[in-house]
């Protein structure tokens, strides 16, 4: 929990507030899914921190890698120790901007989010599609996208290479509320 507070403080200080304010969730959801003919692997994380600055449309997201839960404990152990090396790279982050945020209305809209995704110490520019519903009390954001495991320097041992997809589907759901100091 202390780590989440430190990350929250870091992300809040990295977004400059001018105008309307910030919306935050500490219980955002993200998952990833790997499907191969041999095995499907799914992991869920309900401890995702996400902050949106409504004056600029900027968004920052932090995900503790050890908070992903798997169906099998051995998968979780291999994920943290061998693949993403969670002790060395404890979090994944995204810092970016929701394009045309200022034109959104109080109905669900399609959005494009551009920014930098950092996983396993490697940062890649991303363009992600999503759905947003923005009101004065709530900003809901959800969608999915795919990443290539190799793009983030994650090495899969040849012994299990056929069990893990080269392309992983990532799903996200965030329900932001106005940030109260």
C-alpha atoms as a PDB file:
ATOM      1  CA  UNK A   1       0.000   0.000   0.000  1.00  0.00           C
ATOM      2  CA  UNK A   2       2.904   2.335   0.790  1.00  0.00           C
ATOM      3  CA  UNK A   3       4.227   1.801  -2.747  1.00  0.00           C
ATOM      4  CA  UNK A   4       0.849   2.803  -4.226  1.00  0.00           C
ATOM      5  CA  UNK A   5       0.885   6.029  -2.183  1.00  0.00           C
ATOM      6  CA  UNK A   6       4.402   6.850  -3.391  1.00  0.00           C
ATOM      7  CA  UNK A   7       3.397   6.214  -7.017  1.00  0.00           C
ATOM      8  CA  UNK A   8       0.221   8.280  -6.535  1.00  0.00           C
ATOM      9  CA  UNK A   9       2.253  11.202  -5.162  1.00  0.00           C
ATOM     10  CA  UNK A  10       4.718  10.933  -8.052  1.00  0.00           C
ATOM     11  CA  UNK A  11       1.990  10.863 -10.705  1.00  0.00           C
ATOM     12  CA  UNK A  12       0.031  13.721  -9.133  1.00  0.00           C
ATOM     13  CA  UNK A  13       3.145  15.863  -9.021  1.00  0.00           C
ATOM     14  CA  UNK A  14       3.963  15.062 -12.655  1.00  0.00           C
ATOM     15  CA  UNK A  15       0.675  16.515 -13.950  1.00  0.00           C
ATOM     16  CA  UNK A  16       0.387  20.278 -13.860  1.00  0.00           C
ATOM     17  CA  UNK A  17      -3.064  21.507 -12.893  1.00  0.00           C
ATOM     18  CA  UNK A  18      -4.441  24.537 -14.642  1.00  0.00           C
ATOM     19  CA  UNK A  19      -8.195  24.909 -14.748  1.00  0.00           C
ATOM     20  CA  UNK A  20     -10.788  22.259 -14.027  1.00  0.00           C
ATOM     21  CA  UNK A  21      -8.881  19.627 -12.046  1.00  0.00           C
ATOM     22  CA  UNK A  22      -7.863  16.027 -11.753  1.00  0.00           C
ATOM     23  CA  UNK A  23      -9.809  12.793 -11.762  1.00  0.00           C
ATOM     24  CA  UNK A  24      -8.298   9.729 -10.116  1.00  0.00           C
ATOM     25  CA  UNK A  25      -8.801   6.037  -9.525  1.00  0.00           C
ATOM     26  CA  UNK A  26      -6.651   3.782  -7.360  1.00  0.00           C
ATOM     27  CA  UNK A  27      -8.721   0.720  -8.251  1.00  0.00           C
ATOM     28  CA  UNK A  28      -8.559   0.698 -12.005  1.00  0.00           C
ATOM     29  CA  UNK A  29      -8.596  -2.654 -13.750  1.00  0.00           C
ATOM     30  CA  UNK A  30      -6.273  -4.042 -16.358  1.00  0.00           C
ATOM     31  CA  UNK A  31      -5.698  -7.542 -17.642  1.00  0.00           C
ATOM     32  CA  UNK A  32      -3.661  -9.269 -20.255  1.00  0.00           C
ATOM     33  CA  UNK A  33      -4.425 -12.353 -22.292  1.00  0.00           C
ATOM     34  CA  UNK A  34      -2.106 -14.683 -24.160  1.00  0.00           C
ATOM     35  CA  UNK A  35      -3.647 -17.342 -26.374  1.00  0.00           C
ATOM     36  CA  UNK A  36      -1.791 -20.186 -28.079  1.00  0.00           C
ATOM     37  CA  UNK A  37      -2.939 -23.614 -29.282  1.00  0.00           C
ATOM     38  CA  UNK A  38      -1.151 -25.095 -26.239  1.00  0.00           C
ATOM     39  CA  UNK A  39      -2.310 -22.767 -23.457  1.00  0.00           C
ATOM     40  CA  UNK A  40      -4.288 -19.632 -22.645  1.00  0.00           C
ATOM     41  CA  UNK A  41      -2.908 -17.328 -19.971  1.00  0.00           C
ATOM     42  CA  UNK A  42      -4.889 -14.529 -18.323  1.00  0.00           C
ATOM     43  CA  UNK A  43      -3.904 -12.223 -15.490  1.00  0.00           C
ATOM     44  CA  UNK A  44      -5.960  -9.528 -13.748  1.00  0.00           C
ATOM     45  CA  UNK A  45      -4.934  -6.463 -11.767  1.00  0.00           C
ATOM     46  CA  UNK A  46      -7.446  -4.354  -9.783  1.00  0.00           C
ATOM     47  CA  UNK A  47      -4.906  -2.021  -8.189  1.00  0.00           C
ATOM     48  CA  UNK A  48      -4.143   0.271 -11.107  1.00  0.00           C
ATOM     49  CA  UNK A  49      -3.626   3.968 -10.442  1.00  0.00           C
ATOM     50  CA  UNK A  50      -4.851   6.336 -13.164  1.00  0.00           C
ATOM     51  CA  UNK A  51      -5.035  10.135 -13.158  1.00  0.00           C
ATOM     52  CA  UNK A  52      -6.561  12.449 -15.766  1.00  0.00           C
ATOM     53  CA  UNK A  53      -5.930  16.202 -15.806  1.00  0.00           C
ATOM     54  CA  UNK A  54      -9.128  17.618 -17.313  1.00  0.00           C
ATOM     55  CA  UNK A  55      -7.549  20.960 -18.196  1.00  0.00           C
ATOM     56  CA  UNK A  56      -5.130  19.345 -20.653  1.00  0.00           C
ATOM     57  CA  UNK A  57      -6.432  15.812 -21.298  1.00  0.00           C
ATOM     58  CA  UNK A  58      -3.202  14.305 -20.003  1.00  0.00           C
ATOM     59  CA  UNK A  59      -3.328  10.882 -18.433  1.00  0.00           C
ATOM     60  CA  UNK A  60      -0.846   8.991 -16.261  1.00  0.00           C
ATOM     61  CA  UNK A  61      -1.189   5.335 -15.291  1.00  0.00           C
ATOM     62  CA  UNK A  62       0.906   3.183 -12.936  1.00  0.00           C
ATOM     63  CA  UNK A  63       0.575  -0.578 -12.615  1.00  0.00           C
ATOM     64  CA  UNK A  64       2.365  -2.633  -9.961  1.00  0.00           C
ATOM     65  CA  UNK A  65       3.485  -5.759 -11.781  1.00  0.00           C
ATOM     66  CA  UNK A  66       3.293  -7.967  -8.678  1.00  0.00           C
ATOM     67  CA  UNK A  67      -0.417  -7.096  -8.374  1.00  0.00           C
ATOM     68  CA  UNK A  68      -1.322  -9.223 -11.401  1.00  0.00           C
ATOM     69  CA  UNK A  69      -3.081 -12.382 -10.278  1.00  0.00           C
ATOM     70  CA  UNK A  70      -3.075 -15.595 -12.286  1.00  0.00           C
ATOM     71  CA  UNK A  71      -5.144 -18.758 -12.121  1.00  0.00           C
ATOM     72  CA  UNK A  72      -2.020 -20.787 -11.347  1.00  0.00           C
ATOM     73  CA  UNK A  73       0.496 -19.686  -8.698  1.00  0.00           C
ATOM     74  CA  UNK A  74       3.398 -21.063 -10.751  1.00  0.00           C
ATOM     75  CA  UNK A  75       2.443 -18.826 -13.699  1.00  0.00           C
ATOM     76  CA  UNK A  76       2.444 -15.812 -11.382  1.00  0.00           C
ATOM     77  CA  UNK A  77       5.850 -16.778 -10.000  1.00  0.00           C
ATOM     78  CA  UNK A  78       7.356 -17.212 -13.484  1.00  0.00           C
ATOM     79  CA  UNK A  79       5.792 -13.938 -14.668  1.00  0.00           C
ATOM     80  CA  UNK A  80       7.310 -11.948 -11.796  1.00  0.00           C
ATOM     81  CA  UNK A  81      10.676 -13.690 -11.483  1.00  0.00           C
ATOM     82  CA  UNK A  82      11.581 -14.755 -15.032  1.00  0.00           C
ATOM     83  CA  UNK A  83       9.702 -12.601 -17.531  1.00  0.00           C
ATOM     84  CA  UNK A  84       8.934  -9.074 -16.287  1.00  0.00           C
ATOM     85  CA  UNK A  85      11.459  -9.245 -13.431  1.00  0.00           C
ATOM     86  CA  UNK A  86       9.148  -7.418 -11.002  1.00  0.00           C
ATOM     87  CA  UNK A  87      11.831  -6.846  -8.371  1.00  0.00           C
ATOM     88  CA  UNK A  88      13.979  -4.992 -10.913  1.00  0.00           C
ATOM     89  CA  UNK A  89      11.066  -3.375 -12.823  1.00  0.00           C
ATOM     90  CA  UNK A  90       8.269  -3.088 -10.218  1.00  0.00           C
ATOM     91  CA  UNK A  91       5.797  -1.113 -12.310  1.00  0.00           C
ATOM     92  CA  UNK A  92       4.577  -0.403 -15.792  1.00  0.00           C
ATOM     93  CA  UNK A  93       3.617   3.185 -16.603  1.00  0.00           C
ATOM     94  CA  UNK A  94       1.804   5.102 -19.292  1.00  0.00           C
ATOM     95  CA  UNK A  95       2.051   8.872 -19.704  1.00  0.00           C
ATOM     96  CA  UNK A  96       0.119  10.474 -22.500  1.00  0.00           C
ATOM     97  CA  UNK A  97      -2.737  12.566 -23.771  1.00  0.00           C
ATOM     98  CA  UNK A  98      -6.347  11.896 -24.675  1.00  0.00           C
ATOM     99  CA  UNK A  99      -6.669  13.599 -28.065  1.00  0.00           C
ATOM    100  CA  UNK A 100      -9.462  16.190 -28.450  1.00  0.00           C
ATOM    101  CA  UNK A 101     -10.376  15.794 -24.767  1.00  0.00           C
ATOM    102  CA  UNK A 102     -11.767  19.334 -24.649  1.00  0.00           C
ATOM    103  CA  UNK A 103     -14.440  18.484 -27.254  1.00  0.00           C
ATOM    104  CA  UNK A 104     -15.925  15.540 -25.342  1.00  0.00           C
ATOM    105  CA  UNK A 105     -19.556  15.690 -24.286  1.00  0.00           C
ATOM    106  CA  UNK A 106     -21.507  13.884 -21.566  1.00  0.00           C
ATOM    107  CA  UNK A 107     -22.063  10.843 -23.742  1.00  0.00           C
ATOM    108  CA  UNK A 108     -19.874   7.902 -24.555  1.00  0.00           C
ATOM    109  CA  UNK A 109     -17.310   8.747 -27.223  1.00  0.00           C
ATOM    110  CA  UNK A 110     -14.501   6.978 -29.015  1.00  0.00           C
ATOM    111  CA  UNK A 111     -11.087   8.440 -28.181  1.00  0.00           C
ATOM    112  CA  UNK A 112      -7.481   8.087 -29.231  1.00  0.00           C
ATOM    113  CA  UNK A 113      -4.839   8.157 -26.515  1.00  0.00           C
ATOM    114  CA  UNK A 114      -1.198   8.742 -27.450  1.00  0.00           C
ATOM    115  CA  UNK A 115       1.783   8.463 -25.176  1.00  0.00           C
ATOM    116  CA  UNK A 116       4.649   6.441 -23.817  1.00  0.00           C
ATOM    117  CA  UNK A 117       4.165   2.951 -22.374  1.00  0.00           C
ATOM    118  CA  UNK A 118       7.020   1.659 -20.218  1.00  0.00           C
ATOM    119  CA  UNK A 119       7.225  -2.033 -19.361  1.00  0.00           C
ATOM    120  CA  UNK A 120      10.323  -3.945 -18.225  1.00  0.00           C
ATOM    121  CA  UNK A 121      12.381  -0.740 -18.434  1.00  0.00           C
ATOM    122  CA  UNK A 122      11.588  -0.234 -22.134  1.00  0.00           C
ATOM    123  CA  UNK A 123       9.514   2.733 -23.346  1.00  0.00           C
ATOM    124  CA  UNK A 124       7.506   2.620 -26.577  1.00  0.00           C
ATOM    125  CA  UNK A 125       5.276   5.239 -28.206  1.00  0.00           C
ATOM    126  CA  UNK A 126       1.704   3.969 -28.359  1.00  0.00           C
ATOM    127  CA  UNK A 127      -1.566   5.007 -29.950  1.00  0.00           C
ATOM    128  CA  UNK A 128      -4.473   3.375 -28.138  1.00  0.00           C
ATOM    129  CA  UNK A 129      -8.164   3.466 -28.999  1.00  0.00           C
ATOM    130  CA  UNK A 130     -10.736   3.580 -26.240  1.00  0.00           C
ATOM    131  CA  UNK A 131     -14.194   4.569 -25.092  1.00  0.00           C
ATOM    132  CA  UNK A 132     -14.774   7.434 -22.693  1.00  0.00           C
ATOM    133  CA  UNK A 133     -17.783   8.777 -20.846  1.00  0.00           C
ATOM    134  CA  UNK A 134     -17.037  12.085 -19.150  1.00  0.00           C
ATOM    135  CA  UNK A 135     -19.272  13.960 -16.706  1.00  0.00           C
ATOM    136  CA  UNK A 136     -18.602  16.368 -13.840  1.00  0.00           C
ATOM    137  CA  UNK A 137     -18.719  13.444 -11.364  1.00  0.00           C
ATOM    138  CA  UNK A 138     -17.005  10.673 -13.297  1.00  0.00           C
ATOM    139  CA  UNK A 139     -14.682   9.892 -16.198  1.00  0.00           C
ATOM    140  CA  UNK A 140     -14.948   6.268 -17.335  1.00  0.00           C
ATOM    141  CA  UNK A 141     -12.347   5.029 -19.786  1.00  0.00           C
ATOM    142  CA  UNK A 142     -12.067   1.520 -21.239  1.00  0.00           C
ATOM    143  CA  UNK A 143     -10.726  -0.384 -24.189  1.00  0.00           C
ATOM    144  CA  UNK A 144      -8.075  -2.821 -25.286  1.00  0.00           C
ATOM    145  CA  UNK A 145      -4.919  -2.935 -27.363  1.00  0.00           C
ATOM    146  CA  UNK A 146      -2.143  -5.361 -28.261  1.00  0.00           C
ATOM    147  CA  UNK A 147       1.554  -5.335 -27.470  1.00  0.00           C
ATOM    148  CA  UNK A 148       4.433  -7.413 -28.773  1.00  0.00           C
ATOM    149  CA  UNK A 149       6.289  -9.066 -25.883  1.00  0.00           C
ATOM    150  CA  UNK A 150       9.635  -8.756 -27.693  1.00  0.00           C
ATOM    151  CA  UNK A 151       9.172  -4.966 -28.098  1.00  0.00           C
ATOM    152  CA  UNK A 152       9.646  -4.597 -24.336  1.00  0.00           C
ATOM    153  CA  UNK A 153      12.745  -6.784 -24.032  1.00  0.00           C
ATOM    154  CA  UNK A 154      10.865  -9.592 -22.307  1.00  0.00           C
ATOM    155  CA  UNK A 155      12.630 -12.843 -23.109  1.00  0.00           C
ATOM    156  CA  UNK A 156      10.635 -16.061 -23.193  1.00  0.00           C
ATOM    157  CA  UNK A 157      12.710 -19.235 -22.717  1.00  0.00           C
ATOM    158  CA  UNK A 158      12.567 -21.575 -25.713  1.00  0.00           C
ATOM    159  CA  UNK A 159      11.227 -24.360 -23.467  1.00  0.00           C
ATOM    160  CA  UNK A 160       7.909 -22.454 -23.039  1.00  0.00           C
ATOM    161  CA  UNK A 161       7.985 -20.291 -26.193  1.00  0.00           C
ATOM    162  CA  UNK A 162       5.023 -22.174 -27.697  1.00  0.00           C
ATOM    163  CA  UNK A 163       2.947 -21.639 -24.534  1.00  0.00           C
ATOM    164  CA  UNK A 164       3.120 -17.826 -24.606  1.00  0.00           C
ATOM    165  CA  UNK A 165       1.809 -15.702 -27.456  1.00  0.00           C
ATOM    166  CA  UNK A 166       4.153 -13.217 -29.104  1.00  0.00           C
ATOM    167  CA  UNK A 167       1.288 -10.690 -29.103  1.00  0.00           C
ATOM    168  CA  UNK A 168      -0.576 -10.050 -25.856  1.00  0.00           C
ATOM    169  CA  UNK A 169      -4.021  -8.446 -25.613  1.00  0.00           C
ATOM    170  CA  UNK A 170      -4.288  -5.822 -22.858  1.00  0.00           C
ATOM    171  CA  UNK A 171      -7.704  -4.706 -21.556  1.00  0.00           C
ATOM    172  CA  UNK A 172      -8.318  -1.714 -19.301  1.00  0.00           C
ATOM    173  CA  UNK A 173     -11.249  -0.186 -17.376  1.00  0.00           C
ATOM    174  CA  UNK A 174     -10.896   2.965 -15.265  1.00  0.00           C
ATOM    175  CA  UNK A 175     -13.630   4.779 -13.365  1.00  0.00           C
ATOM    176  CA  UNK A 176     -12.118   8.119 -12.308  1.00  0.00           C
ATOM    177  CA  UNK A 177     -13.634  10.346  -9.621  1.00  0.00           C
ATOM    178  CA  UNK A 178     -12.731  13.967  -8.824  1.00  0.00           C
ATOM    179  CA  UNK A 179      -9.468  14.100  -6.876  1.00  0.00           C
ATOM    180  CA  UNK A 180      -9.883  15.453  -3.330  1.00  0.00           C
ATOM    181  CA  UNK A 181      -6.769  16.620  -1.478  1.00  0.00           C
END
